[in-house]
Amino acid sequence: MEFELLGWPPEGPTLHLDHREFAYAGKFVMSATGKAVAGEEGEKNGDGDDGDAILAATAFDEDRTDPNRLRIRYVTVRNDRRGEGIGPRLLRFTAERGRERGYTDVRIAANNPFAYEACYRAGFAFTGEETGLAELVLAYRPDREGRGRYQAGFDRYRGRDLSDAEESFLDDYRGRGPPAVVADPLSGNRV
């Protein structure tokens, strides 16, 4: 698996992802956000008409109120490759590149329990905050600081109108501790 940072905001690249294969595909056409992608080793990523080579993508920008904070706005994994751990690895890759660029805080908001779990696997932890869109806010803390709120986030989802798959997922994860954090794809370091 190859991971590539395609550009930083505000002059980020545009990606033309197939809306039938990727959730939020239209959000990646905007050039105001930076982008990172994951694809198969040796495949072309990010330059030109190569939507088939991309397996996952993130879009991110600087927080409007805090210049030291990077916000990962969207993450998407191609439908046929979900559940393979590509999303958490790309999130970790994106967060680490943000830190290297000087951001001291990296955040993401998760709108469902599947995304929430993927964020935890990438080293994010629930802050206890929600957005106005009922998304749970997570901060990048691969050192596990704040990871004790893992079940508190799931409890917030449990009080909502959920699909059968989401309810089953939450039942399966009741009482569990946070998952292991995936390695940074560039360094191979686990925490």
C-alpha atoms as a PDB file:
ATOM      1  CA  MET A   1       0.000   0.000   0.000  1.00  0.00           C
ATOM      2  CA  GLU A   2       1.320   3.452  -0.923  1.00  0.00           C
ATOM      3  CA  PHE A   3       0.342   6.670   0.830  1.00  0.00           C
ATOM      4  CA  GLU A   4       0.862  10.050  -0.775  1.00  0.00           C
ATOM      5  CA  LEU A   5       0.286  13.628   0.306  1.00  0.00           C
ATOM      6  CA  LEU A   6      -0.905  15.416  -2.833  1.00  0.00           C
ATOM      7  CA  GLY A   7      -0.940  18.998  -1.550  1.00  0.00           C
ATOM      8  CA  TRP A   8      -1.754  21.436   1.230  1.00  0.00           C
ATOM      9  CA  PRO A   9      -4.516  24.002   1.442  1.00  0.00           C
ATOM     10  CA  PRO A  10      -5.388  26.518   0.214  1.00  0.00           C
ATOM     11  CA  GLU A  11      -4.066  25.409  -3.201  1.00  0.00           C
ATOM     12  CA  GLY A  12      -4.910  21.763  -2.818  1.00  0.00           C
ATOM     13  CA  PRO A  13      -5.322  19.419  -5.762  1.00  0.00           C
ATOM     14  CA  THR A  14      -8.687  18.238  -7.002  1.00  0.00           C
ATOM     15  CA  LEU A  15      -9.667  14.582  -7.119  1.00  0.00           C
ATOM     16  CA  HIS A  16     -12.393  13.217  -9.342  1.00  0.00           C
ATOM     17  CA  LEU A  17     -13.646  10.177  -7.461  1.00  0.00           C
ATOM     18  CA  ASP A  18     -16.548   8.089  -8.719  1.00  0.00           C
ATOM     19  CA  HIS A  19     -19.586   8.899  -6.566  1.00  0.00           C
ATOM     20  CA  ARG A  20     -20.809   5.305  -7.008  1.00  0.00           C
ATOM     21  CA  GLU A  21     -17.653   3.980  -5.339  1.00  0.00           C
ATOM     22  CA  PHE A  22     -16.760   6.660  -2.783  1.00  0.00           C
ATOM     23  CA  ALA A  23     -18.850   8.411  -0.131  1.00  0.00           C
ATOM     24  CA  TYR A  24     -18.418  12.205  -0.202  1.00  0.00           C
ATOM     25  CA  ALA A  25     -16.836  12.017  -3.683  1.00  0.00           C
ATOM     26  CA  GLY A  26     -17.962  15.548  -4.544  1.00  0.00           C
ATOM     27  CA  LYS A  27     -16.078  17.006  -1.563  1.00  0.00           C
ATOM     28  CA  PHE A  28     -12.746  16.040  -3.107  1.00  0.00           C
ATOM     29  CA  VAL A  29     -13.212  18.211  -6.203  1.00  0.00           C
ATOM     30  CA  MET A  30     -12.711  21.390  -4.154  1.00  0.00           C
ATOM     31  CA  SER A  31      -9.218  22.866  -4.395  1.00  0.00           C
ATOM     32  CA  ALA A  32      -9.420  24.717  -1.057  1.00  0.00           C
ATOM     33  CA  THR A  33      -8.503  21.585   0.902  1.00  0.00           C
ATOM     34  CA  GLY A  34      -5.326  19.549   0.983  1.00  0.00           C
ATOM     35  CA  LYS A  35      -5.528  15.909  -0.049  1.00  0.00           C
ATOM     36  CA  ALA A  36      -3.815  12.629   0.769  1.00  0.00           C
ATOM     37  CA  VAL A  37      -4.501   9.285  -0.887  1.00  0.00           C
ATOM     38  CA  ALA A  38      -3.815   5.587  -0.482  1.00  0.00           C
ATOM     39  CA  GLY A  39      -3.454   3.165  -3.360  1.00  0.00           C
ATOM     40  CA  GLU A  40      -1.920  -0.138  -4.315  1.00  0.00           C
ATOM     41  CA  GLU A  41       1.854  -0.244  -4.463  1.00  0.00           C
ATOM     42  CA  GLY A  42       3.120   0.865  -7.870  1.00  0.00           C
ATOM     43  CA  GLU A  43      -0.233   2.302  -8.953  1.00  0.00           C
ATOM     44  CA  LYS A  44      -0.527   5.909 -10.035  1.00  0.00           C
ATOM     45  CA  ASN A  45      -2.033   8.235  -7.393  1.00  0.00           C
ATOM     46  CA  GLY A  46      -3.259  11.775  -7.679  1.00  0.00           C
ATOM     47  CA  ASP A  47      -1.991  13.033 -11.024  1.00  0.00           C
ATOM     48  CA  GLY A  48      -4.500  13.115 -13.796  1.00  0.00           C
ATOM     49  CA  ASP A  49      -7.316  10.708 -14.516  1.00  0.00           C
ATOM     50  CA  ASP A  50      -6.442   7.956 -12.078  1.00  0.00           C
ATOM     51  CA  GLY A  51      -9.548   7.579  -9.952  1.00  0.00           C
ATOM     52  CA  ASP A  52      -9.381   3.789 -10.329  1.00  0.00           C
ATOM     53  CA  ALA A  53      -5.954   3.644  -8.636  1.00  0.00           C
ATOM     54  CA  ILE A  54      -7.106   5.490  -5.519  1.00  0.00           C
ATOM     55  CA  LEU A  55      -8.459   3.303  -2.723  1.00  0.00           C
ATOM     56  CA  ALA A  56      -8.933   6.014  -0.085  1.00  0.00           C
ATOM     57  CA  ALA A  57      -8.612   9.777   0.274  1.00  0.00           C
ATOM     58  CA  THR A  58      -8.628  12.471   2.945  1.00  0.00           C
ATOM     59  CA  ALA A  59      -9.415  16.173   2.561  1.00  0.00           C
ATOM     60  CA  PHE A  60      -8.159  18.604   5.211  1.00  0.00           C
ATOM     61  CA  ASP A  61      -7.552  22.261   5.957  1.00  0.00           C
ATOM     62  CA  GLU A  62      -6.525  24.624   8.711  1.00  0.00           C
ATOM     63  CA  ASP A  63      -9.115  25.299  11.383  1.00  0.00           C
ATOM     64  CA  ARG A  64     -10.865  28.619  10.823  1.00  0.00           C
ATOM     65  CA  THR A  65     -10.392  29.683  14.458  1.00  0.00           C
ATOM     66  CA  ASP A  66      -7.014  28.155  15.363  1.00  0.00           C
ATOM     67  CA  PRO A  67      -4.021  28.339  12.976  1.00  0.00           C
ATOM     68  CA  ASN A  68      -2.288  25.570  14.962  1.00  0.00           C
ATOM     69  CA  ARG A  69      -5.109  23.093  14.311  1.00  0.00           C
ATOM     70  CA  LEU A  70      -5.529  20.925  11.221  1.00  0.00           C
ATOM     71  CA  ARG A  71      -9.040  19.612  10.551  1.00  0.00           C
ATOM     72  CA  ILE A  72      -9.495  16.436   8.563  1.00  0.00           C
ATOM     73  CA  ARG A  73     -12.796  17.264   6.899  1.00  0.00           C
ATOM     74  CA  TYR A  74     -13.465  14.068   4.960  1.00  0.00           C
ATOM     75  CA  VAL A  75     -12.138  10.558   4.691  1.00  0.00           C
ATOM     76  CA  THR A  76     -13.464   8.060   2.183  1.00  0.00           C
ATOM     77  CA  VAL A  77     -12.548   4.486   1.299  1.00  0.00           C
ATOM     78  CA  ARG A  78     -13.636   2.825  -1.927  1.00  0.00           C
ATOM     79  CA  ASN A  79     -16.740   0.724  -1.184  1.00  0.00           C
ATOM     80  CA  ASP A  80     -15.181  -2.601  -2.197  1.00  0.00           C
ATOM     81  CA  ARG A  81     -12.145  -2.038   0.084  1.00  0.00           C
ATOM     82  CA  ARG A  82     -13.870  -0.972   3.301  1.00  0.00           C
ATOM     83  CA  GLY A  83     -13.022  -2.965   6.399  1.00  0.00           C
ATOM     84  CA  GLU A  84      -9.413  -3.651   5.358  1.00  0.00           C
ATOM     85  CA  GLY A  85      -7.856  -0.986   7.611  1.00  0.00           C
ATOM     86  CA  ILE A  86      -6.976   1.398   4.792  1.00  0.00           C
ATOM     87  CA  GLY A  87      -8.955   4.275   6.317  1.00  0.00           C
ATOM     88  CA  PRO A  88      -7.228   4.207   9.726  1.00  0.00           C
ATOM     89  CA  ARG A  89      -3.787   3.974   8.102  1.00  0.00           C
ATOM     90  CA  LEU A  90      -4.542   6.919   5.806  1.00  0.00           C
ATOM     91  CA  LEU A  91      -5.897   8.944   8.741  1.00  0.00           C
ATOM     92  CA  ARG A  92      -2.714   8.246  10.727  1.00  0.00           C
ATOM     93  CA  PHE A  93      -0.589   9.156   7.698  1.00  0.00           C
ATOM     94  CA  THR A  94      -2.497  12.434   7.257  1.00  0.00           C
ATOM     95  CA  ALA A  95      -2.289  13.348  10.952  1.00  0.00           C
ATOM     96  CA  GLU A  96       1.454  12.655  11.108  1.00  0.00           C
ATOM     97  CA  ARG A  97       2.112  14.767   8.013  1.00  0.00           C
ATOM     98  CA  GLY A  98       0.113  17.557   9.676  1.00  0.00           C
ATOM     99  CA  ARG A  99       2.291  17.355  12.762  1.00  0.00           C
ATOM    100  CA  GLU A 100       5.422  17.433  10.603  1.00  0.00           C
ATOM    101  CA  ARG A 101       4.085  20.611   9.007  1.00  0.00           C
ATOM    102  CA  GLY A 102       3.809  22.229  12.446  1.00  0.00           C
ATOM    103  CA  TYR A 103       0.194  21.685  13.460  1.00  0.00           C
ATOM    104  CA  THR A 104       0.063  20.973  17.188  1.00  0.00           C
ATOM    105  CA  ASP A 105      -3.539  19.789  17.106  1.00  0.00           C
ATOM    106  CA  VAL A 106      -5.220  17.558  14.508  1.00  0.00           C
ATOM    107  CA  ARG A 107      -8.987  16.973  14.742  1.00  0.00           C
ATOM    108  CA  ILE A 108     -11.692  15.061  12.933  1.00  0.00           C
ATOM    109  CA  ALA A 109     -15.446  14.716  13.479  1.00  0.00           C
ATOM    110  CA  ALA A 110     -17.109  11.297  13.114  1.00  0.00           C
ATOM    111  CA  ASN A 111     -20.766  11.008  12.128  1.00  0.00           C
ATOM    112  CA  ASN A 112     -21.240   7.273  12.753  1.00  0.00           C
ATOM    113  CA  PRO A 113     -19.840   4.495  14.966  1.00  0.00           C
ATOM    114  CA  PHE A 114     -17.886   2.856  12.117  1.00  0.00           C
ATOM    115  CA  ALA A 115     -15.985   6.091  11.416  1.00  0.00           C
ATOM    116  CA  TYR A 116     -15.500   6.631  15.156  1.00  0.00           C
ATOM    117  CA  GLU A 117     -13.838   3.213  15.514  1.00  0.00           C
ATOM    118  CA  ALA A 118     -11.626   3.873  12.459  1.00  0.00           C
ATOM    119  CA  CYS A 119     -10.514   7.175  13.999  1.00  0.00           C
ATOM    120  CA  TYR A 120      -9.571   5.436  17.250  1.00  0.00           C
ATOM    121  CA  ARG A 121      -7.546   2.873  15.306  1.00  0.00           C
ATOM    122  CA  ALA A 122      -5.688   5.817  13.717  1.00  0.00           C
ATOM    123  CA  GLY A 123      -4.784   7.291  17.116  1.00  0.00           C
ATOM    124  CA  PHE A 124      -7.605   9.770  17.615  1.00  0.00           C
ATOM    125  CA  ALA A 125      -9.525  10.038  20.900  1.00  0.00           C
ATOM    126  CA  PHE A 126     -12.951  11.451  21.731  1.00  0.00           C
ATOM    127  CA  THR A 127     -12.720  14.960  23.201  1.00  0.00           C
ATOM    128  CA  GLY A 128     -16.207  14.868  24.729  1.00  0.00           C
ATOM    129  CA  GLU A 129     -17.336  17.537  22.243  1.00  0.00           C
ATOM    130  CA  GLU A 130     -19.917  17.354  19.452  1.00  0.00           C
ATOM    131  CA  THR A 131     -20.343  19.570  16.413  1.00  0.00           C
ATOM    132  CA  GLY A 132     -23.619  21.258  15.564  1.00  0.00           C
ATOM    133  CA  LEU A 133     -24.168  18.404  13.097  1.00  0.00           C
ATOM    134  CA  ALA A 134     -24.159  15.809  15.913  1.00  0.00           C
ATOM    135  CA  GLU A 135     -20.699  14.585  14.928  1.00  0.00           C
ATOM    136  CA  LEU A 136     -18.323  13.505  17.693  1.00  0.00           C
ATOM    137  CA  VAL A 137     -15.040  15.451  17.750  1.00  0.00           C
ATOM    138  CA  LEU A 138     -11.833  13.450  18.092  1.00  0.00           C
ATOM    139  CA  ALA A 139      -8.274  14.761  18.585  1.00  0.00           C
ATOM    140  CA  TYR A 140      -5.121  13.012  17.393  1.00  0.00           C
ATOM    141  CA  ARG A 141      -3.453  11.503  20.457  1.00  0.00           C
ATOM    142  CA  PRO A 142      -1.580   8.376  19.399  1.00  0.00           C
ATOM    143  CA  ASP A 143       0.122   8.333  22.806  1.00  0.00           C
ATOM    144  CA  ARG A 144      -3.314   7.275  24.132  1.00  0.00           C
ATOM    145  CA  GLU A 145      -3.918  10.400  26.218  1.00  0.00           C
ATOM    146  CA  GLY A 146      -7.675  10.798  26.467  1.00  0.00           C
ATOM    147  CA  ARG A 147      -8.401   7.336  25.080  1.00  0.00           C
ATOM    148  CA  GLY A 148     -10.386   6.481  28.227  1.00  0.00           C
ATOM    149  CA  ARG A 149     -13.449   8.166  26.721  1.00  0.00           C
ATOM    150  CA  TYR A 150     -13.768   5.440  24.084  1.00  0.00           C
ATOM    151  CA  GLN A 151     -17.047   3.977  25.379  1.00  0.00           C
ATOM    152  CA  ALA A 152     -18.428   7.462  26.149  1.00  0.00           C
ATOM    153  CA  GLY A 153     -18.461   8.188  22.416  1.00  0.00           C
ATOM    154  CA  PHE A 154     -20.212   4.923  21.633  1.00  0.00           C
ATOM    155  CA  ASP A 155     -22.760   5.781  24.337  1.00  0.00           C
ATOM    156  CA  ARG A 156     -23.541   9.042  22.513  1.00  0.00           C
ATOM    157  CA  TYR A 157     -24.293   7.079  19.332  1.00  0.00           C
ATOM    158  CA  ARG A 158     -26.440   4.584  21.262  1.00  0.00           C
ATOM    159  CA  GLY A 159     -28.935   7.341  22.021  1.00  0.00           C
ATOM    160  CA  ARG A 160     -29.558   8.047  18.337  1.00  0.00           C
ATOM    161  CA  ASP A 161     -31.690   6.694  15.513  1.00  0.00           C
ATOM    162  CA  LEU A 162     -29.328   4.141  13.959  1.00  0.00           C
ATOM    163  CA  SER A 163     -29.350   1.556  11.210  1.00  0.00           C
ATOM    164  CA  ASP A 164     -29.510  -2.126  12.148  1.00  0.00           C
ATOM    165  CA  ALA A 165     -25.842  -2.495  11.158  1.00  0.00           C
ATOM    166  CA  GLU A 166     -24.829   0.396  13.440  1.00  0.00           C
ATOM    167  CA  GLU A 167     -26.844  -0.994  16.366  1.00  0.00           C
ATOM    168  CA  SER A 168     -25.306  -4.438  15.898  1.00  0.00           C
ATOM    169  CA  PHE A 169     -21.826  -2.900  15.718  1.00  0.00           C
ATOM    170  CA  LEU A 170     -22.409  -0.972  18.953  1.00  0.00           C
ATOM    171  CA  ASP A 171     -23.692  -4.128  20.678  1.00  0.00           C
ATOM    172  CA  ASP A 172     -20.557  -6.008  19.592  1.00  0.00           C
ATOM    173  CA  TYR A 173     -18.295  -3.257  20.953  1.00  0.00           C
ATOM    174  CA  ARG A 174     -20.083  -2.677  24.280  1.00  0.00           C
ATOM    175  CA  GLY A 175     -17.620  -2.819  27.161  1.00  0.00           C
ATOM    176  CA  ARG A 176     -14.511  -3.141  24.994  1.00  0.00           C
ATOM    177  CA  GLY A 177     -11.458  -0.977  25.444  1.00  0.00           C
ATOM    178  CA  PRO A 178      -9.964   1.123  22.661  1.00  0.00           C
ATOM    179  CA  PRO A 179      -8.332  -0.724  19.760  1.00  0.00           C
ATOM    180  CA  ALA A 180      -4.604  -0.812  19.102  1.00  0.00           C
ATOM    181  CA  VAL A 181      -3.324   2.133  17.090  1.00  0.00           C
ATOM    182  CA  VAL A 182      -2.125   1.310  13.571  1.00  0.00           C
ATOM    183  CA  ALA A 183       1.436   2.103  12.566  1.00  0.00           C
ATOM    184  CA  ASP A 184       2.294   5.293  10.707  1.00  0.00           C
ATOM    185  CA  PRO A 185       2.680   4.017   7.126  1.00  0.00           C
ATOM    186  CA  LEU A 186       5.902   6.010   6.634  1.00  0.00           C
ATOM    187  CA  SER A 187       7.696   5.177   9.861  1.00  0.00           C
ATOM    188  CA  GLY A 188       6.177   1.833  10.715  1.00  0.00           C
ATOM    189  CA  ASN A 189       6.013   2.998  14.338  1.00  0.00           C
ATOM    190  CA  ARG A 190       3.164   1.733  16.468  1.00  0.00           C
ATOM    191  CA  VAL A 191       2.185   3.256  19.769  1.00  0.00           C
END
